[in-house]
Amino acid sequence: MIVGSNAPGFTANALINGQMKSISLSDFPGKWILLFFYSGDFSFV
């Protein structure tokens, strides 16, 4: 994917204020979004 290009639509779970919530890219119309993924960040080991 190229910086500045549109991301494909998706829905994912997110930890927001200590609660798991389902979010969608369509929840943020007209806004710039930074997508960050780090698989080990939420491992509770």
PDB file of N, CA and C in Angstrom:
ATOM      1  N   MET A   1       0.849  -1.175   0.000  1.00  0.00           N
ATOM      2  CA  MET A   1       0.000   0.000   0.000  1.00  0.00           C
ATOM      3  C   MET A   1       0.895   1.239   0.000  1.00  0.00           C
ATOM      4  N   ILE A   2       0.483   2.240  -0.694  1.00  0.00           N
ATOM      5  CA  ILE A   2       1.248   3.473  -0.826  1.00  0.00           C
ATOM      6  C   ILE A   2       0.748   4.508   0.185  1.00  0.00           C
ATOM      7  N   VAL A   3       1.668   5.218   0.817  1.00  0.00           N
ATOM      8  CA  VAL A   3       1.305   6.267   1.771  1.00  0.00           C
ATOM      9  C   VAL A   3       0.402   7.274   1.073  1.00  0.00           C
ATOM     10  N   GLY A   4      -0.703   7.612   1.727  1.00  0.00           N
ATOM     11  CA  GLY A   4      -1.647   8.578   1.178  1.00  0.00           C
ATOM     12  C   GLY A   4      -2.757   7.955   0.363  1.00  0.00           C
ATOM     13  N   SER A   5      -2.671   6.650   0.088  1.00  0.00           N
ATOM     14  CA  SER A   5      -3.739   6.001  -0.663  1.00  0.00           C
ATOM     15  C   SER A   5      -4.857   5.581   0.290  1.00  0.00           C
ATOM     16  N   ASN A   6      -6.024   5.319  -0.272  1.00  0.00           N
ATOM     17  CA  ASN A   6      -7.165   4.912   0.548  1.00  0.00           C
ATOM     18  C   ASN A   6      -7.011   3.465   0.993  1.00  0.00           C
ATOM     19  N   ALA A   7      -7.299   3.216   2.253  1.00  0.00           N
ATOM     20  CA  ALA A   7      -7.271   1.845   2.776  1.00  0.00           C
ATOM     21  C   ALA A   7      -8.582   1.153   2.416  1.00  0.00           C
ATOM     22  N   PRO A   8      -8.552  -0.153   2.249  1.00  0.00           N
ATOM     23  CA  PRO A   8      -9.806  -0.873   1.990  1.00  0.00           C
ATOM     24  C   PRO A   8     -10.683  -0.865   3.235  1.00  0.00           C
ATOM     25  N   GLY A   9     -11.981  -0.915   3.048  1.00  0.00           N
ATOM     26  CA  GLY A   9     -12.896  -0.935   4.187  1.00  0.00           C
ATOM     27  C   GLY A   9     -12.692  -2.182   5.026  1.00  0.00           C
ATOM     28  N   PHE A  10     -12.825  -2.065   6.340  1.00  0.00           N
ATOM     29  CA  PHE A  10     -12.658  -3.208   7.237  1.00  0.00           C
ATOM     30  C   PHE A  10     -13.369  -2.954   8.554  1.00  0.00           C
ATOM     31  N   THR A  11     -13.568  -4.008   9.309  1.00  0.00           N
ATOM     32  CA  THR A  11     -14.085  -3.935  10.671  1.00  0.00           C
ATOM     33  C   THR A  11     -13.142  -4.756  11.543  1.00  0.00           C
ATOM     34  N   ALA A  12     -12.830  -4.254  12.733  1.00  0.00           N
ATOM     35  CA  ALA A  12     -11.900  -4.942  13.620  1.00  0.00           C
ATOM     36  C   ALA A  12     -12.268  -4.656  15.073  1.00  0.00           C
ATOM     37  N   ASN A  13     -11.762  -5.485  15.962  1.00  0.00           N
ATOM     38  CA  ASN A  13     -11.929  -5.257  17.394  1.00  0.00           C
ATOM     39  C   ASN A  13     -10.806  -4.358  17.873  1.00  0.00           C
ATOM     40  N   ALA A  14     -11.133  -3.479  18.815  1.00  0.00           N
ATOM     41  CA  ALA A  14     -10.138  -2.560  19.365  1.00  0.00           C
ATOM     42  C   ALA A  14     -10.357  -2.418  20.860  1.00  0.00           C
ATOM     43  N   LEU A  15      -9.275  -2.226  21.588  1.00  0.00           N
ATOM     44  CA  LEU A  15      -9.350  -1.981  23.023  1.00  0.00           C
ATOM     45  C   LEU A  15      -9.431  -0.477  23.227  1.00  0.00           C
ATOM     46  N   ILE A  16     -10.596  -0.003  23.666  1.00  0.00           N
ATOM     47  CA  ILE A  16     -10.833   1.432  23.842  1.00  0.00           C
ATOM     48  C   ILE A  16     -11.294   1.663  25.277  1.00  0.00           C
ATOM     49  N   ASN A  17     -10.522   2.429  26.025  1.00  0.00           N
ATOM     50  CA  ASN A  17     -10.836   2.718  27.434  1.00  0.00           C
ATOM     51  C   ASN A  17     -11.090   1.441  28.233  1.00  0.00           C
ATOM     52  N   GLY A  18     -10.274   0.413  27.996  1.00  0.00           N
ATOM     53  CA  GLY A  18     -10.375  -0.820  28.753  1.00  0.00           C
ATOM     54  C   GLY A  18     -11.476  -1.765  28.309  1.00  0.00           C
ATOM     55  N   GLN A  19     -12.203  -1.429  27.234  1.00  0.00           N
ATOM     56  CA  GLN A  19     -13.277  -2.281  26.740  1.00  0.00           C
ATOM     57  C   GLN A  19     -13.033  -2.641  25.285  1.00  0.00           C
ATOM     58  N   MET A  20     -13.344  -3.903  24.931  1.00  0.00           N
ATOM     59  CA  MET A  20     -13.241  -4.326  23.542  1.00  0.00           C
ATOM     60  C   MET A  20     -14.447  -3.794  22.780  1.00  0.00           C
ATOM     61  N   LYS A  21     -14.192  -3.119  21.666  1.00  0.00           N
ATOM     62  CA  LYS A  21     -15.261  -2.576  20.832  1.00  0.00           C
ATOM     63  C   LYS A  21     -14.973  -2.894  19.379  1.00  0.00           C
ATOM     64  N   SER A  22     -16.023  -3.013  18.597  1.00  0.00           N
ATOM     65  CA  SER A  22     -15.887  -3.228  17.168  1.00  0.00           C
ATOM     66  C   SER A  22     -15.855  -1.864  16.486  1.00  0.00           C
ATOM     67  N   ILE A  23     -14.820  -1.621  15.692  1.00  0.00           N
ATOM     68  CA  ILE A  23     -14.719  -0.366  14.967  1.00  0.00           C
ATOM     69  C   ILE A  23     -14.616  -0.658  13.479  1.00  0.00           C
ATOM     70  N   SER A  24     -14.962   0.312  12.683  1.00  0.00           N
ATOM     71  CA  SER A  24     -14.920   0.176  11.237  1.00  0.00           C
ATOM     72  C   SER A  24     -14.280   1.424  10.659  1.00  0.00           C
ATOM     73  N   LEU A  25     -13.627   1.265   9.554  1.00  0.00           N
ATOM     74  CA  LEU A  25     -13.024   2.423   8.898  1.00  0.00           C
ATOM     75  C   LEU A  25     -14.094   3.450   8.527  1.00  0.00           C
ATOM     76  N   SER A  26     -15.306   2.980   8.255  1.00  0.00           N
ATOM     77  CA  SER A  26     -16.399   3.896   7.901  1.00  0.00           C
ATOM     78  C   SER A  26     -16.889   4.720   9.098  1.00  0.00           C
ATOM     79  N   ASP A  27     -16.401   4.429  10.315  1.00  0.00           N
ATOM     80  CA  ASP A  27     -16.750   5.218  11.503  1.00  0.00           C
ATOM     81  C   ASP A  27     -16.051   6.584  11.498  1.00  0.00           C
ATOM     82  N   PHE A  28     -15.086   6.777  10.592  1.00  0.00           N
ATOM     83  CA  PHE A  28     -14.272   7.989  10.571  1.00  0.00           C
ATOM     84  C   PHE A  28     -14.274   8.639   9.184  1.00  0.00           C
ATOM     85  N   PRO A  29     -15.438   8.981   8.651  1.00  0.00           N
ATOM     86  CA  PRO A  29     -15.482   9.534   7.291  1.00  0.00           C
ATOM     87  C   PRO A  29     -14.782  10.892   7.194  1.00  0.00           C
ATOM     88  N   GLY A  30     -13.990  11.068   6.162  1.00  0.00           N
ATOM     89  CA  GLY A  30     -13.325  12.344   5.909  1.00  0.00           C
ATOM     90  C   GLY A  30     -12.156  12.648   6.823  1.00  0.00           C
ATOM     91  N   LYS A  31     -11.721  11.688   7.642  1.00  0.00           N
ATOM     92  CA  LYS A  31     -10.618  11.921   8.575  1.00  0.00           C
ATOM     93  C   LYS A  31      -9.400  11.111   8.169  1.00  0.00           C
ATOM     94  N   TRP A  32      -8.238  11.621   8.496  1.00  0.00           N
ATOM     95  CA  TRP A  32      -6.999  10.880   8.306  1.00  0.00           C
ATOM     96  C   TRP A  32      -6.890   9.902   9.465  1.00  0.00           C
ATOM     97  N   ILE A  33      -6.530   8.668   9.155  1.00  0.00           N
ATOM     98  CA  ILE A  33      -6.430   7.616  10.169  1.00  0.00           C
ATOM     99  C   ILE A  33      -5.048   6.977  10.081  1.00  0.00           C
ATOM    100  N   LEU A  34      -4.427   6.774  11.227  1.00  0.00           N
ATOM    101  CA  LEU A  34      -3.161   6.052  11.291  1.00  0.00           C
ATOM    102  C   LEU A  34      -3.466   4.649  11.795  1.00  0.00           C
ATOM    103  N   LEU A  35      -3.194   3.645  10.954  1.00  0.00           N
ATOM    104  CA  LEU A  35      -3.420   2.258  11.346  1.00  0.00           C
ATOM    105  C   LEU A  35      -2.114   1.709  11.889  1.00  0.00           C
ATOM    106  N   PHE A  36      -2.159   1.209  13.112  1.00  0.00           N
ATOM    107  CA  PHE A  36      -0.967   0.694  13.776  1.00  0.00           C
ATOM    108  C   PHE A  36      -1.272  -0.700  14.293  1.00  0.00           C
ATOM    109  N   PHE A  37      -0.398  -1.635  14.018  1.00  0.00           N
ATOM    110  CA  PHE A  37      -0.581  -3.001  14.480  1.00  0.00           C
ATOM    111  C   PHE A  37       0.733  -3.501  15.047  1.00  0.00           C
ATOM    112  N   TYR A  38       0.661  -4.023  16.253  1.00  0.00           N
ATOM    113  CA  TYR A  38       1.822  -4.639  16.881  1.00  0.00           C
ATOM    114  C   TYR A  38       1.316  -5.870  17.610  1.00  0.00           C
ATOM    115  N   SER A  39       1.547  -7.031  17.064  1.00  0.00           N
ATOM    116  CA  SER A  39       0.923  -8.259  17.564  1.00  0.00           C
ATOM    117  C   SER A  39       1.276  -8.591  19.010  1.00  0.00           C
ATOM    118  N   GLY A  40       2.428  -8.265  19.487  1.00  0.00           N
ATOM    119  CA  GLY A  40       2.811  -8.596  20.849  1.00  0.00           C
ATOM    120  C   GLY A  40       2.363  -7.577  21.883  1.00  0.00           C
ATOM    121  N   ASP A  41       1.773  -6.491  21.466  1.00  0.00           N
ATOM    122  CA  ASP A  41       1.428  -5.402  22.373  1.00  0.00           C
ATOM    123  C   ASP A  41       0.376  -5.787  23.420  1.00  0.00           C
ATOM    124  N   PHE A  42      -0.568  -6.648  23.064  1.00  0.00           N
ATOM    125  CA  PHE A  42      -1.639  -6.972  23.998  1.00  0.00           C
ATOM    126  C   PHE A  42      -1.554  -8.405  24.516  1.00  0.00           C
ATOM    127  N   SER A  43      -0.349  -8.976  24.504  1.00  0.00           N
ATOM    128  CA  SER A  43      -0.210 -10.317  25.078  1.00  0.00           C
ATOM    129  C   SER A  43      -0.058 -10.174  26.595  1.00  0.00           C
ATOM    130  N   PHE A  44      -0.940 -10.810  27.331  1.00  0.00           N
ATOM    131  CA  PHE A  44      -0.969 -10.651  28.783  1.00  0.00           C
ATOM    132  C   PHE A  44      -0.167 -11.740  29.479  1.00  0.00           C
ATOM    133  N   VAL A  45       0.994 -12.052  28.922  1.00  0.00           N
ATOM    134  CA  VAL A  45       1.841 -13.104  29.495  1.00  0.00           C
ATOM    135  C   VAL A  45       2.880 -12.471  30.400  1.00  0.00           C
TER     136      VAL A  45
END
